[in-house]
Amino acid sequence: MFMFIRSLVAIKRMLLLTAAAFLSMFLMAGCGSKPAGPPAPAGGGENEITIATSFYPMYIMTLNIAKDIPGVNIVNMTRPVTGCLHDYQLTTEDLKNLEKASILVINGAGMESFMEKLLIQLPEIKVIEASRGIPLIKSEVGEENPHVWVSITHAIQEVKNITEQLIALDPVHADKYYSNSADYVAKLEALRTRMHQELSQINNRDIITFHEAFPYFAEEFGLNIVSVIEREPGSEPSASELADTIKTVKELKVKALFTEPQYPNKAAATIARETDAKVYVLDPAVSGLMEADSYLNIMEENLKTLLEVLN
């Protein structure tokens, strides 16, 4: 009898311990932890994102749209001294910058064609195309010109396009994106108005450039590009092309040859020696300081140069 009672006590104790264990597990599941949610976006902790930009003008636009927003990181894929991305070769450092990002802002219009195969291999990256819907100027052989940002009007549209697509991908920060964008667009519009007013008074509108970067700028401000020396930057003109340009400069009495700070001006110096033209600099805003107002400052310098030269 005594042994039977001891067995009952042992069984009761085991049942109590088992019940306590189940209760503990239930409380831990209900209160002590949360089920795992979806992974945080690329770039860090919860609600953090990293936005990569393909090159300098895209970086400056995106910097203005996303500035001072906690958790939104911006990285420029290519080095800030890189000019236009014609025939650009990706580096290991570029790929490292791209790996951090969940969103990539590109100009589009063919500027980043070297990245097409790479982006196919990175389907998780959401691509924002800044030039969407902007009418493109075509060359004599039908090639579309991608340098739309050099026109302030098109730069404004690109800022709006980036903002719209960024809000769709990251609605958490929508209000701040929109507010920042509106502030930057207002600055661009004020500069555009002033440039139109001041450049409407210039006497001479004929210019020669050394790269296909300025057709949109010339179209906006009523300038006449009578010749382009180097269709692709770094490609030296042939002797016959140089002779033809010298002849054009003399016949039209062109006074200004505009080079770009990103490229050498050897051909320009040769033409200047053979004519009365002088060499000046116009900046297409493809490199510079990594600061929010850099594009505005570059265009201010371009305005100052044009007023000095063409009046």
C-alpha atoms as a PDB file:
ATOM      1  CA  MET A   1       0.000   0.000   0.000  1.00  0.00           C
ATOM      2  CA  PHE A   2       2.786   2.399   0.907  1.00  0.00           C
ATOM      3  CA  MET A   3       4.540   1.681  -2.389  1.00  0.00           C
ATOM      4  CA  PHE A   4       1.329   2.338  -4.323  1.00  0.00           C
ATOM      5  CA  ILE A   5       0.890   5.762  -2.644  1.00  0.00           C
ATOM      6  CA  ARG A   6       4.496   6.694  -3.436  1.00  0.00           C
ATOM      7  CA  SER A   7       3.894   5.836  -7.099  1.00  0.00           C
ATOM      8  CA  LEU A   8       0.797   8.056  -7.222  1.00  0.00           C
ATOM      9  CA  VAL A   9       2.749  10.966  -5.716  1.00  0.00           C
ATOM     10  CA  ALA A  10       5.539  10.538  -8.269  1.00  0.00           C
ATOM     11  CA  ILE A  11       3.087  10.489 -11.175  1.00  0.00           C
ATOM     12  CA  LYS A  12       1.339  13.645  -9.865  1.00  0.00           C
ATOM     13  CA  ARG A  13       4.658  15.471  -9.540  1.00  0.00           C
ATOM     14  CA  MET A  14       5.599  14.532 -13.124  1.00  0.00           C
ATOM     15  CA  LEU A  15       2.259  15.820 -14.462  1.00  0.00           C
ATOM     16  CA  LEU A  16       2.692  19.126 -12.590  1.00  0.00           C
ATOM     17  CA  LEU A  17       6.210  19.599 -13.956  1.00  0.00           C
ATOM     18  CA  THR A  18       5.056  18.848 -17.504  1.00  0.00           C
ATOM     19  CA  ALA A  19       2.165  21.305 -17.209  1.00  0.00           C
ATOM     20  CA  ALA A  20       4.507  23.989 -15.894  1.00  0.00           C
ATOM     21  CA  ALA A  21       6.869  23.444 -18.801  1.00  0.00           C
ATOM     22  CA  PHE A  22       4.057  23.819 -21.367  1.00  0.00           C
ATOM     23  CA  LEU A  23       2.796  26.967 -19.627  1.00  0.00           C
ATOM     24  CA  SER A  24       6.284  28.472 -19.683  1.00  0.00           C
ATOM     25  CA  MET A  25       6.626  27.759 -23.394  1.00  0.00           C
ATOM     26  CA  PHE A  26       3.236  29.342 -24.091  1.00  0.00           C
ATOM     27  CA  LEU A  27       4.076  32.512 -22.172  1.00  0.00           C
ATOM     28  CA  MET A  28       7.430  32.839 -23.932  1.00  0.00           C
ATOM     29  CA  ALA A  29       5.786  32.454 -27.329  1.00  0.00           C
ATOM     30  CA  GLY A  30       3.034  34.915 -26.507  1.00  0.00           C
ATOM     31  CA  CYS A  31       5.007  37.648 -24.719  1.00  0.00           C
ATOM     32  CA  GLY A  32       8.733  37.115 -24.728  1.00  0.00           C
ATOM     33  CA  SER A  33       9.440  37.165 -28.506  1.00  0.00           C
ATOM     34  CA  LYS A  34       7.990  38.236 -31.837  1.00  0.00           C
ATOM     35  CA  PRO A  35       7.776  36.197 -35.017  1.00  0.00           C
ATOM     36  CA  ALA A  36      10.461  37.073 -37.586  1.00  0.00           C
ATOM     37  CA  GLY A  37       9.289  39.755 -40.020  1.00  0.00           C
ATOM     38  CA  PRO A  38      10.474  40.439 -43.570  1.00  0.00           C
ATOM     39  CA  PRO A  39      14.178  41.236 -43.998  1.00  0.00           C
ATOM     40  CA  ALA A  40      15.177  44.899 -43.713  1.00  0.00           C
ATOM     41  CA  PRO A  41      15.970  46.665 -46.992  1.00  0.00           C
ATOM     42  CA  ALA A  42      19.585  46.776 -48.138  1.00  0.00           C
ATOM     43  CA  GLY A  43      21.717  49.354 -46.383  1.00  0.00           C
ATOM     44  CA  GLY A  44      21.495  48.578 -42.714  1.00  0.00           C
ATOM     45  CA  GLY A  45      18.874  48.201 -40.024  1.00  0.00           C
ATOM     46  CA  GLU A  46      15.123  48.358 -40.062  1.00  0.00           C
ATOM     47  CA  ASN A  47      13.682  51.019 -42.424  1.00  0.00           C
ATOM     48  CA  GLU A  48      17.140  51.825 -43.818  1.00  0.00           C
ATOM     49  CA  ILE A  49      17.808  51.867 -47.546  1.00  0.00           C
ATOM     50  CA  THR A  50      20.842  52.586 -49.684  1.00  0.00           C
ATOM     51  CA  ILE A  51      20.319  54.392 -52.991  1.00  0.00           C
ATOM     52  CA  ALA A  52      23.112  54.141 -55.560  1.00  0.00           C
ATOM     53  CA  THR A  53      23.466  56.635 -58.404  1.00  0.00           C
ATOM     54  CA  SER A  54      25.184  55.875 -61.697  1.00  0.00           C
ATOM     55  CA  PHE A  55      27.271  59.061 -61.949  1.00  0.00           C
ATOM     56  CA  TYR A  56      27.692  62.623 -60.764  1.00  0.00           C
ATOM     57  CA  PRO A  57      24.595  64.520 -61.984  1.00  0.00           C
ATOM     58  CA  MET A  58      22.329  61.703 -60.781  1.00  0.00           C
ATOM     59  CA  TYR A  59      24.049  61.833 -57.401  1.00  0.00           C
ATOM     60  CA  ILE A  60      23.519  65.585 -57.016  1.00  0.00           C
ATOM     61  CA  MET A  61      19.821  65.302 -57.914  1.00  0.00           C
ATOM     62  CA  THR A  62      19.232  62.368 -55.583  1.00  0.00           C
ATOM     63  CA  LEU A  63      21.215  64.046 -52.805  1.00  0.00           C
ATOM     64  CA  ASN A  64      18.842  67.007 -52.921  1.00  0.00           C
ATOM     65  CA  ILE A  65      15.756  64.785 -52.940  1.00  0.00           C
ATOM     66  CA  ALA A  66      16.875  62.494 -50.097  1.00  0.00           C
ATOM     67  CA  LYS A  67      19.028  64.819 -47.993  1.00  0.00           C
ATOM     68  CA  ASP A  68      18.674  64.810 -44.205  1.00  0.00           C
ATOM     69  CA  ILE A  69      16.363  61.784 -44.175  1.00  0.00           C
ATOM     70  CA  PRO A  70      17.408  59.375 -41.385  1.00  0.00           C
ATOM     71  CA  GLY A  71      18.009  55.866 -42.649  1.00  0.00           C
ATOM     72  CA  VAL A  72      18.359  56.853 -46.326  1.00  0.00           C
ATOM     73  CA  ASN A  73      21.936  56.456 -47.536  1.00  0.00           C
ATOM     74  CA  ILE A  74      23.192  57.649 -50.922  1.00  0.00           C
ATOM     75  CA  VAL A  75      26.314  56.333 -52.645  1.00  0.00           C
ATOM     76  CA  ASN A  76      27.649  57.292 -56.066  1.00  0.00           C
ATOM     77  CA  MET A  77      28.648  54.220 -58.036  1.00  0.00           C
ATOM     78  CA  THR A  78      31.412  55.848 -60.089  1.00  0.00           C
ATOM     79  CA  ARG A  79      34.145  58.218 -58.985  1.00  0.00           C
ATOM     80  CA  PRO A  80      33.110  61.920 -58.896  1.00  0.00           C
ATOM     81  CA  VAL A  81      35.916  62.828 -61.333  1.00  0.00           C
ATOM     82  CA  THR A  82      34.447  60.591 -64.040  1.00  0.00           C
ATOM     83  CA  GLY A  83      33.119  62.455 -67.056  1.00  0.00           C
ATOM     84  CA  CYS A  84      30.289  61.174 -69.236  1.00  0.00           C
ATOM     85  CA  LEU A  85      30.000  57.410 -69.188  1.00  0.00           C
ATOM     86  CA  HIS A  86      30.812  56.782 -72.858  1.00  0.00           C
ATOM     87  CA  ASP A  87      32.574  53.407 -73.082  1.00  0.00           C
ATOM     88  CA  TYR A  88      32.973  53.355 -69.292  1.00  0.00           C
ATOM     89  CA  GLN A  89      34.425  50.218 -67.706  1.00  0.00           C
ATOM     90  CA  LEU A  90      33.096  49.199 -64.300  1.00  0.00           C
ATOM     91  CA  THR A  91      35.678  48.836 -61.540  1.00  0.00           C
ATOM     92  CA  THR A  92      35.715  46.581 -58.489  1.00  0.00           C
ATOM     93  CA  GLU A  93      34.985  49.622 -56.322  1.00  0.00           C
ATOM     94  CA  ASP A  94      31.958  50.491 -58.475  1.00  0.00           C
ATOM     95  CA  LEU A  95      30.571  46.984 -57.962  1.00  0.00           C
ATOM     96  CA  LYS A  96      31.095  47.228 -54.205  1.00  0.00           C
ATOM     97  CA  ASN A  97      29.069  50.451 -54.139  1.00  0.00           C
ATOM     98  CA  LEU A  98      26.338  48.808 -56.168  1.00  0.00           C
ATOM     99  CA  GLU A  99      26.173  45.743 -53.903  1.00  0.00           C
ATOM    100  CA  LYS A 100      25.118  47.925 -50.967  1.00  0.00           C
ATOM    101  CA  ALA A 101      22.093  49.321 -52.773  1.00  0.00           C
ATOM    102  CA  SER A 102      18.472  48.282 -53.128  1.00  0.00           C
ATOM    103  CA  ILE A 103      17.713  51.173 -55.532  1.00  0.00           C
ATOM    104  CA  LEU A 104      19.795  52.490 -58.451  1.00  0.00           C
ATOM    105  CA  VAL A 105      19.183  55.888 -60.068  1.00  0.00           C
ATOM    106  CA  ILE A 106      20.348  56.153 -63.686  1.00  0.00           C
ATOM    107  CA  ASN A 107      20.049  58.853 -66.311  1.00  0.00           C
ATOM    108  CA  GLY A 108      18.898  56.414 -68.974  1.00  0.00           C
ATOM    109  CA  ALA A 109      18.551  57.404 -72.660  1.00  0.00           C
ATOM    110  CA  GLY A 110      21.490  55.090 -73.393  1.00  0.00           C
ATOM    111  CA  MET A 111      23.985  56.763 -71.063  1.00  0.00           C
ATOM    112  CA  GLU A 112      24.492  53.638 -68.926  1.00  0.00           C
ATOM    113  CA  SER A 113      24.256  51.050 -71.707  1.00  0.00           C
ATOM    114  CA  PHE A 114      27.450  49.400 -70.389  1.00  0.00           C
ATOM    115  CA  MET A 115      25.443  48.260 -67.324  1.00  0.00           C
ATOM    116  CA  GLU A 116      22.668  46.391 -69.141  1.00  0.00           C
ATOM    117  CA  LYS A 117      24.179  42.903 -68.739  1.00  0.00           C
ATOM    118  CA  LEU A 118      25.135  43.586 -65.123  1.00  0.00           C
ATOM    119  CA  LEU A 119      21.627  44.668 -64.144  1.00  0.00           C
ATOM    120  CA  ILE A 120      20.174  41.493 -65.615  1.00  0.00           C
ATOM    121  CA  GLN A 121      22.293  39.628 -63.054  1.00  0.00           C
ATOM    122  CA  LEU A 122      21.024  41.874 -60.223  1.00  0.00           C
ATOM    123  CA  PRO A 123      17.228  41.655 -60.513  1.00  0.00           C
ATOM    124  CA  GLU A 124      16.750  42.593 -56.853  1.00  0.00           C
ATOM    125  CA  ILE A 125      17.931  46.165 -57.517  1.00  0.00           C
ATOM    126  CA  LYS A 126      15.087  48.522 -58.432  1.00  0.00           C
ATOM    127  CA  VAL A 127      16.129  50.911 -61.216  1.00  0.00           C
ATOM    128  CA  ILE A 128      14.907  54.513 -61.434  1.00  0.00           C
ATOM    129  CA  GLU A 129      15.283  56.093 -64.877  1.00  0.00           C
ATOM    130  CA  ALA A 130      15.559  59.871 -64.547  1.00  0.00           C
ATOM    131  CA  SER A 131      15.136  60.752 -68.234  1.00  0.00           C
ATOM    132  CA  ARG A 132      11.811  58.921 -68.615  1.00  0.00           C
ATOM    133  CA  GLY A 133       9.474  60.776 -70.970  1.00  0.00           C
ATOM    134  CA  ILE A 134      11.964  63.493 -71.969  1.00  0.00           C
ATOM    135  CA  PRO A 135      12.132  63.987 -75.771  1.00  0.00           C
ATOM    136  CA  LEU A 136      15.626  63.191 -77.021  1.00  0.00           C
ATOM    137  CA  ILE A 137      17.665  65.064 -79.612  1.00  0.00           C
ATOM    138  CA  LYS A 138      19.038  62.868 -82.388  1.00  0.00           C
ATOM    139  CA  SER A 139      22.293  63.306 -84.269  1.00  0.00           C
ATOM    140  CA  GLU A 140      22.591  63.432 -88.039  1.00  0.00           C
ATOM    141  CA  VAL A 141      22.980  59.641 -88.092  1.00  0.00           C
ATOM    142  CA  GLY A 142      20.003  59.086 -85.793  1.00  0.00           C
ATOM    143  CA  GLU A 143      21.817  58.499 -82.496  1.00  0.00           C
ATOM    144  CA  GLU A 144      19.940  59.728 -79.423  1.00  0.00           C
ATOM    145  CA  ASN A 145      21.775  62.212 -77.234  1.00  0.00           C
ATOM    146  CA  PRO A 146      21.576  61.281 -73.519  1.00  0.00           C
ATOM    147  CA  HIS A 147      22.913  64.577 -72.044  1.00  0.00           C
ATOM    148  CA  VAL A 148      19.478  65.851 -71.040  1.00  0.00           C
ATOM    149  CA  TRP A 149      20.491  67.135 -67.571  1.00  0.00           C
ATOM    150  CA  VAL A 150      22.603  69.933 -69.131  1.00  0.00           C
ATOM    151  CA  SER A 151      19.305  71.677 -69.898  1.00  0.00           C
ATOM    152  CA  ILE A 152      17.931  73.096 -66.672  1.00  0.00           C
ATOM    153  CA  THR A 153      14.382  72.432 -67.853  1.00  0.00           C
ATOM    154  CA  HIS A 154      15.192  68.763 -68.366  1.00  0.00           C
ATOM    155  CA  ALA A 155      17.127  68.638 -65.093  1.00  0.00           C
ATOM    156  CA  ILE A 156      13.954  69.817 -63.356  1.00  0.00           C
ATOM    157  CA  GLN A 157      11.986  67.039 -65.062  1.00  0.00           C
ATOM    158  CA  GLU A 158      14.601  64.482 -64.055  1.00  0.00           C
ATOM    159  CA  VAL A 159      14.346  65.582 -60.415  1.00  0.00           C
ATOM    160  CA  LYS A 160      10.566  65.164 -60.590  1.00  0.00           C
ATOM    161  CA  ASN A 161      10.915  61.750 -62.243  1.00  0.00           C
ATOM    162  CA  ILE A 162      13.359  60.518 -59.590  1.00  0.00           C
ATOM    163  CA  THR A 163      11.084  61.790 -56.833  1.00  0.00           C
ATOM    164  CA  GLU A 164       7.992  60.104 -58.232  1.00  0.00           C
ATOM    165  CA  GLN A 165       9.706  56.750 -58.725  1.00  0.00           C
ATOM    166  CA  LEU A 166      11.489  56.950 -55.360  1.00  0.00           C
ATOM    167  CA  ILE A 167       8.226  57.566 -53.517  1.00  0.00           C
ATOM    168  CA  ALA A 168       6.707  54.533 -55.242  1.00  0.00           C
ATOM    169  CA  LEU A 169       9.607  52.348 -54.071  1.00  0.00           C
ATOM    170  CA  ASP A 170       9.976  53.863 -50.598  1.00  0.00           C
ATOM    171  CA  PRO A 171       6.597  55.309 -49.505  1.00  0.00           C
ATOM    172  CA  VAL A 172       7.739  55.428 -45.857  1.00  0.00           C
ATOM    173  CA  HIS A 173       9.729  58.595 -46.638  1.00  0.00           C
ATOM    174  CA  ALA A 174       7.311  60.009 -49.217  1.00  0.00           C
ATOM    175  CA  ASP A 175       6.561  63.315 -47.464  1.00  0.00           C
ATOM    176  CA  LYS A 176      10.217  64.197 -47.010  1.00  0.00           C
ATOM    177  CA  TYR A 177      11.142  63.207 -50.557  1.00  0.00           C
ATOM    178  CA  TYR A 178       8.378  65.404 -51.903  1.00  0.00           C
ATOM    179  CA  SER A 179       9.276  68.365 -49.666  1.00  0.00           C
ATOM    180  CA  ASN A 180      12.988  68.215 -50.510  1.00  0.00           C
ATOM    181  CA  SER A 181      12.223  67.857 -54.198  1.00  0.00           C
ATOM    182  CA  ALA A 182       9.907  70.873 -54.212  1.00  0.00           C
ATOM    183  CA  ASP A 183      12.592  73.002 -52.524  1.00  0.00           C
ATOM    184  CA  TYR A 184      15.239  71.987 -55.065  1.00  0.00           C
ATOM    185  CA  VAL A 185      12.943  72.445 -58.061  1.00  0.00           C
ATOM    186  CA  ALA A 186      12.152  75.973 -56.839  1.00  0.00           C
ATOM    187  CA  LYS A 187      15.899  76.796 -56.834  1.00  0.00           C
ATOM    188  CA  LEU A 188      16.342  75.336 -60.319  1.00  0.00           C
ATOM    189  CA  GLU A 189      13.351  77.249 -61.660  1.00  0.00           C
ATOM    190  CA  ALA A 190      14.642  80.531 -60.216  1.00  0.00           C
ATOM    191  CA  LEU A 191      18.044  79.987 -61.839  1.00  0.00           C
ATOM    192  CA  ARG A 192      16.448  79.034 -65.157  1.00  0.00           C
ATOM    193  CA  THR A 193      14.346  82.206 -65.181  1.00  0.00           C
ATOM    194  CA  ARG A 194      17.377  84.394 -64.506  1.00  0.00           C
ATOM    195  CA  MET A 195      19.494  82.638 -67.137  1.00  0.00           C
ATOM    196  CA  HIS A 196      16.781  83.097 -69.768  1.00  0.00           C
ATOM    197  CA  GLN A 197      16.467  86.787 -68.901  1.00  0.00           C
ATOM    198  CA  GLU A 198      20.196  87.474 -69.037  1.00  0.00           C
ATOM    199  CA  LEU A 199      21.057  85.296 -72.040  1.00  0.00           C
ATOM    200  CA  SER A 200      18.221  86.785 -74.084  1.00  0.00           C
ATOM    201  CA  GLN A 201      20.348  89.967 -74.318  1.00  0.00           C
ATOM    202  CA  ILE A 202      23.527  88.455 -75.791  1.00  0.00           C
ATOM    203  CA  ASN A 203      24.678  89.681 -79.204  1.00  0.00           C
ATOM    204  CA  ASN A 204      26.456  86.630 -80.610  1.00  0.00           C
ATOM    205  CA  ARG A 205      24.941  83.121 -80.391  1.00  0.00           C
ATOM    206  CA  ASP A 206      27.387  81.072 -82.476  1.00  0.00           C
ATOM    207  CA  ILE A 207      29.575  78.696 -80.491  1.00  0.00           C
ATOM    208  CA  ILE A 208      31.785  75.651 -81.115  1.00  0.00           C
ATOM    209  CA  THR A 209      31.932  72.829 -78.582  1.00  0.00           C
ATOM    210  CA  PHE A 210      34.220  69.824 -78.253  1.00  0.00           C
ATOM    211  CA  HIS A 211      31.715  67.177 -77.216  1.00  0.00           C
ATOM    212  CA  GLU A 212      28.053  66.358 -77.861  1.00  0.00           C
ATOM    213  CA  ALA A 213      27.135  67.428 -74.319  1.00  0.00           C
ATOM    214  CA  PHE A 214      25.512  70.798 -75.076  1.00  0.00           C
ATOM    215  CA  PRO A 215      22.679  70.437 -77.638  1.00  0.00           C
ATOM    216  CA  TYR A 216      20.002  70.513 -74.909  1.00  0.00           C
ATOM    217  CA  PHE A 217      21.648  73.513 -73.234  1.00  0.00           C
ATOM    218  CA  ALA A 218      21.919  75.316 -76.578  1.00  0.00           C
ATOM    219  CA  GLU A 219      18.318  74.479 -77.460  1.00  0.00           C
ATOM    220  CA  GLU A 220      17.067  75.886 -74.175  1.00  0.00           C
ATOM    221  CA  PHE A 221      18.975  79.165 -74.335  1.00  0.00           C
ATOM    222  CA  GLY A 222      18.897  79.797 -78.080  1.00  0.00           C
ATOM    223  CA  LEU A 223      22.565  79.183 -78.812  1.00  0.00           C
ATOM    224  CA  ASN A 224      23.774  77.993 -82.208  1.00  0.00           C
ATOM    225  CA  ILE A 225      26.350  75.171 -82.151  1.00  0.00           C
ATOM    226  CA  VAL A 226      28.015  75.612 -85.542  1.00  0.00           C
ATOM    227  CA  SER A 227      30.442  72.713 -85.057  1.00  0.00           C
ATOM    228  CA  VAL A 228      31.336  69.927 -82.650  1.00  0.00           C
ATOM    229  CA  ILE A 229      35.027  69.044 -82.777  1.00  0.00           C
ATOM    230  CA  GLU A 230      35.213  65.777 -80.846  1.00  0.00           C
ATOM    231  CA  ARG A 231      31.947  63.872 -81.071  1.00  0.00           C
ATOM    232  CA  GLU A 232      33.232  61.495 -78.440  1.00  0.00           C
ATOM    233  CA  PRO A 233      35.433  62.906 -75.655  1.00  0.00           C
ATOM    234  CA  GLY A 234      39.099  62.066 -76.071  1.00  0.00           C
ATOM    235  CA  SER A 235      38.778  61.237 -79.779  1.00  0.00           C
ATOM    236  CA  GLU A 236      41.132  63.610 -81.561  1.00  0.00           C
ATOM    237  CA  PRO A 237      39.783  65.137 -84.792  1.00  0.00           C
ATOM    238  CA  SER A 238      41.566  64.204 -88.004  1.00  0.00           C
ATOM    239  CA  ALA A 239      43.675  66.749 -89.879  1.00  0.00           C
ATOM    240  CA  SER A 240      40.905  67.267 -92.446  1.00  0.00           C
ATOM    241  CA  GLU A 241      38.260  67.728 -89.717  1.00  0.00           C
ATOM    242  CA  LEU A 242      40.500  70.252 -87.993  1.00  0.00           C
ATOM    243  CA  ALA A 243      41.025  72.136 -91.268  1.00  0.00           C
ATOM    244  CA  ASP A 244      37.278  72.207 -91.952  1.00  0.00           C
ATOM    245  CA  THR A 245      36.614  73.584 -88.470  1.00  0.00           C
ATOM    246  CA  ILE A 246      39.245  76.301 -88.884  1.00  0.00           C
ATOM    247  CA  LYS A 247      37.597  77.271 -92.160  1.00  0.00           C
ATOM    248  CA  THR A 248      34.146  77.393 -90.486  1.00  0.00           C
ATOM    249  CA  VAL A 249      35.445  79.535 -87.629  1.00  0.00           C
ATOM    250  CA  LYS A 250      36.960  82.035 -90.056  1.00  0.00           C
ATOM    251  CA  GLU A 251      33.930  82.188 -92.351  1.00  0.00           C
ATOM    252  CA  LEU A 252      31.390  82.623 -89.530  1.00  0.00           C
ATOM    253  CA  LYS A 253      33.731  84.779 -87.428  1.00  0.00           C
ATOM    254  CA  VAL A 254      33.125  82.524 -84.414  1.00  0.00           C
ATOM    255  CA  LYS A 255      34.766  84.102 -81.373  1.00  0.00           C
ATOM    256  CA  ALA A 256      34.370  81.339 -78.785  1.00  0.00           C
ATOM    257  CA  LEU A 257      35.575  77.743 -78.573  1.00  0.00           C
ATOM    258  CA  PHE A 258      34.134  75.992 -75.542  1.00  0.00           C
ATOM    259  CA  THR A 259      36.033  73.077 -74.035  1.00  0.00           C
ATOM    260  CA  GLU A 260      35.048  71.072 -70.972  1.00  0.00           C
ATOM    261  CA  PRO A 261      37.040  70.906 -67.731  1.00  0.00           C
ATOM    262  CA  GLN A 262      36.923  67.098 -67.767  1.00  0.00           C
ATOM    263  CA  TYR A 263      38.879  66.703 -71.032  1.00  0.00           C
ATOM    264  CA  PRO A 264      42.096  68.053 -72.646  1.00  0.00           C
ATOM    265  CA  ASN A 265      41.834  70.994 -75.067  1.00  0.00           C
ATOM    266  CA  LYS A 266      44.696  70.299 -77.476  1.00  0.00           C
ATOM    267  CA  ALA A 267      42.520  70.632 -80.601  1.00  0.00           C
ATOM    268  CA  ALA A 268      40.973  73.846 -79.299  1.00  0.00           C
ATOM    269  CA  ALA A 269      44.397  75.381 -78.807  1.00  0.00           C
ATOM    270  CA  THR A 270      45.315  74.502 -82.396  1.00  0.00           C
ATOM    271  CA  ILE A 271      42.152  76.130 -83.782  1.00  0.00           C
ATOM    272  CA  ALA A 272      42.653  79.216 -81.631  1.00  0.00           C
ATOM    273  CA  ARG A 273      46.183  79.679 -82.990  1.00  0.00           C
ATOM    274  CA  GLU A 274      44.866  79.637 -86.561  1.00  0.00           C
ATOM    275  CA  THR A 275      41.890  81.960 -85.982  1.00  0.00           C
ATOM    276  CA  ASP A 276      40.744  84.909 -83.922  1.00  0.00           C
ATOM    277  CA  ALA A 277      38.718  82.630 -81.633  1.00  0.00           C
ATOM    278  CA  LYS A 278      39.543  82.210 -77.954  1.00  0.00           C
ATOM    279  CA  VAL A 279      39.178  79.130 -75.773  1.00  0.00           C
ATOM    280  CA  TYR A 280      36.756  79.147 -72.836  1.00  0.00           C
ATOM    281  CA  VAL A 281      35.249  76.510 -70.571  1.00  0.00           C
ATOM    282  CA  LEU A 282      31.646  75.324 -70.351  1.00  0.00           C
ATOM    283  CA  ASP A 283      30.936  72.676 -67.749  1.00  0.00           C
ATOM    284  CA  PRO A 284      28.342  69.954 -68.496  1.00  0.00           C
ATOM    285  CA  ALA A 285      28.130  69.120 -64.773  1.00  0.00           C
ATOM    286  CA  VAL A 286      29.471  65.585 -65.001  1.00  0.00           C
ATOM    287  CA  SER A 287      32.004  65.966 -62.190  1.00  0.00           C
ATOM    288  CA  GLY A 288      32.658  68.269 -59.268  1.00  0.00           C
ATOM    289  CA  LEU A 289      32.117  68.699 -55.557  1.00  0.00           C
ATOM    290  CA  MET A 290      29.779  66.193 -53.908  1.00  0.00           C
ATOM    291  CA  GLU A 291      27.596  68.965 -52.512  1.00  0.00           C
ATOM    292  CA  ALA A 292      23.881  69.650 -52.893  1.00  0.00           C
ATOM    293  CA  ASP A 293      24.301  73.051 -54.619  1.00  0.00           C
ATOM    294  CA  SER A 294      27.029  71.945 -57.044  1.00  0.00           C
ATOM    295  CA  TYR A 295      24.821  71.795 -60.152  1.00  0.00           C
ATOM    296  CA  LEU A 296      23.444  75.261 -59.378  1.00  0.00           C
ATOM    297  CA  ASN A 297      26.957  76.628 -58.888  1.00  0.00           C
ATOM    298  CA  ILE A 298      28.218  75.055 -62.129  1.00  0.00           C
ATOM    299  CA  MET A 299      25.372  76.600 -64.111  1.00  0.00           C
ATOM    300  CA  GLU A 300      26.040  79.968 -62.474  1.00  0.00           C
ATOM    301  CA  GLU A 301      29.634  79.774 -63.725  1.00  0.00           C
ATOM    302  CA  ASN A 302      28.432  78.802 -67.201  1.00  0.00           C
ATOM    303  CA  LEU A 303      26.123  81.827 -67.234  1.00  0.00           C
ATOM    304  CA  LYS A 304      28.958  84.131 -66.170  1.00  0.00           C
ATOM    305  CA  THR A 305      31.224  82.748 -68.919  1.00  0.00           C
ATOM    306  CA  LEU A 306      28.598  83.097 -71.645  1.00  0.00           C
ATOM    307  CA  LEU A 307      27.762  86.667 -70.685  1.00  0.00           C
ATOM    308  CA  GLU A 308      31.438  87.580 -70.694  1.00  0.00           C
ATOM    309  CA  VAL A 309      32.198  85.917 -74.031  1.00  0.00           C
ATOM    310  CA  LEU A 310      29.099  86.380 -76.176  1.00  0.00           C
ATOM    311  CA  ASN A 311      28.427  90.026 -75.341  1.00  0.00           C
END
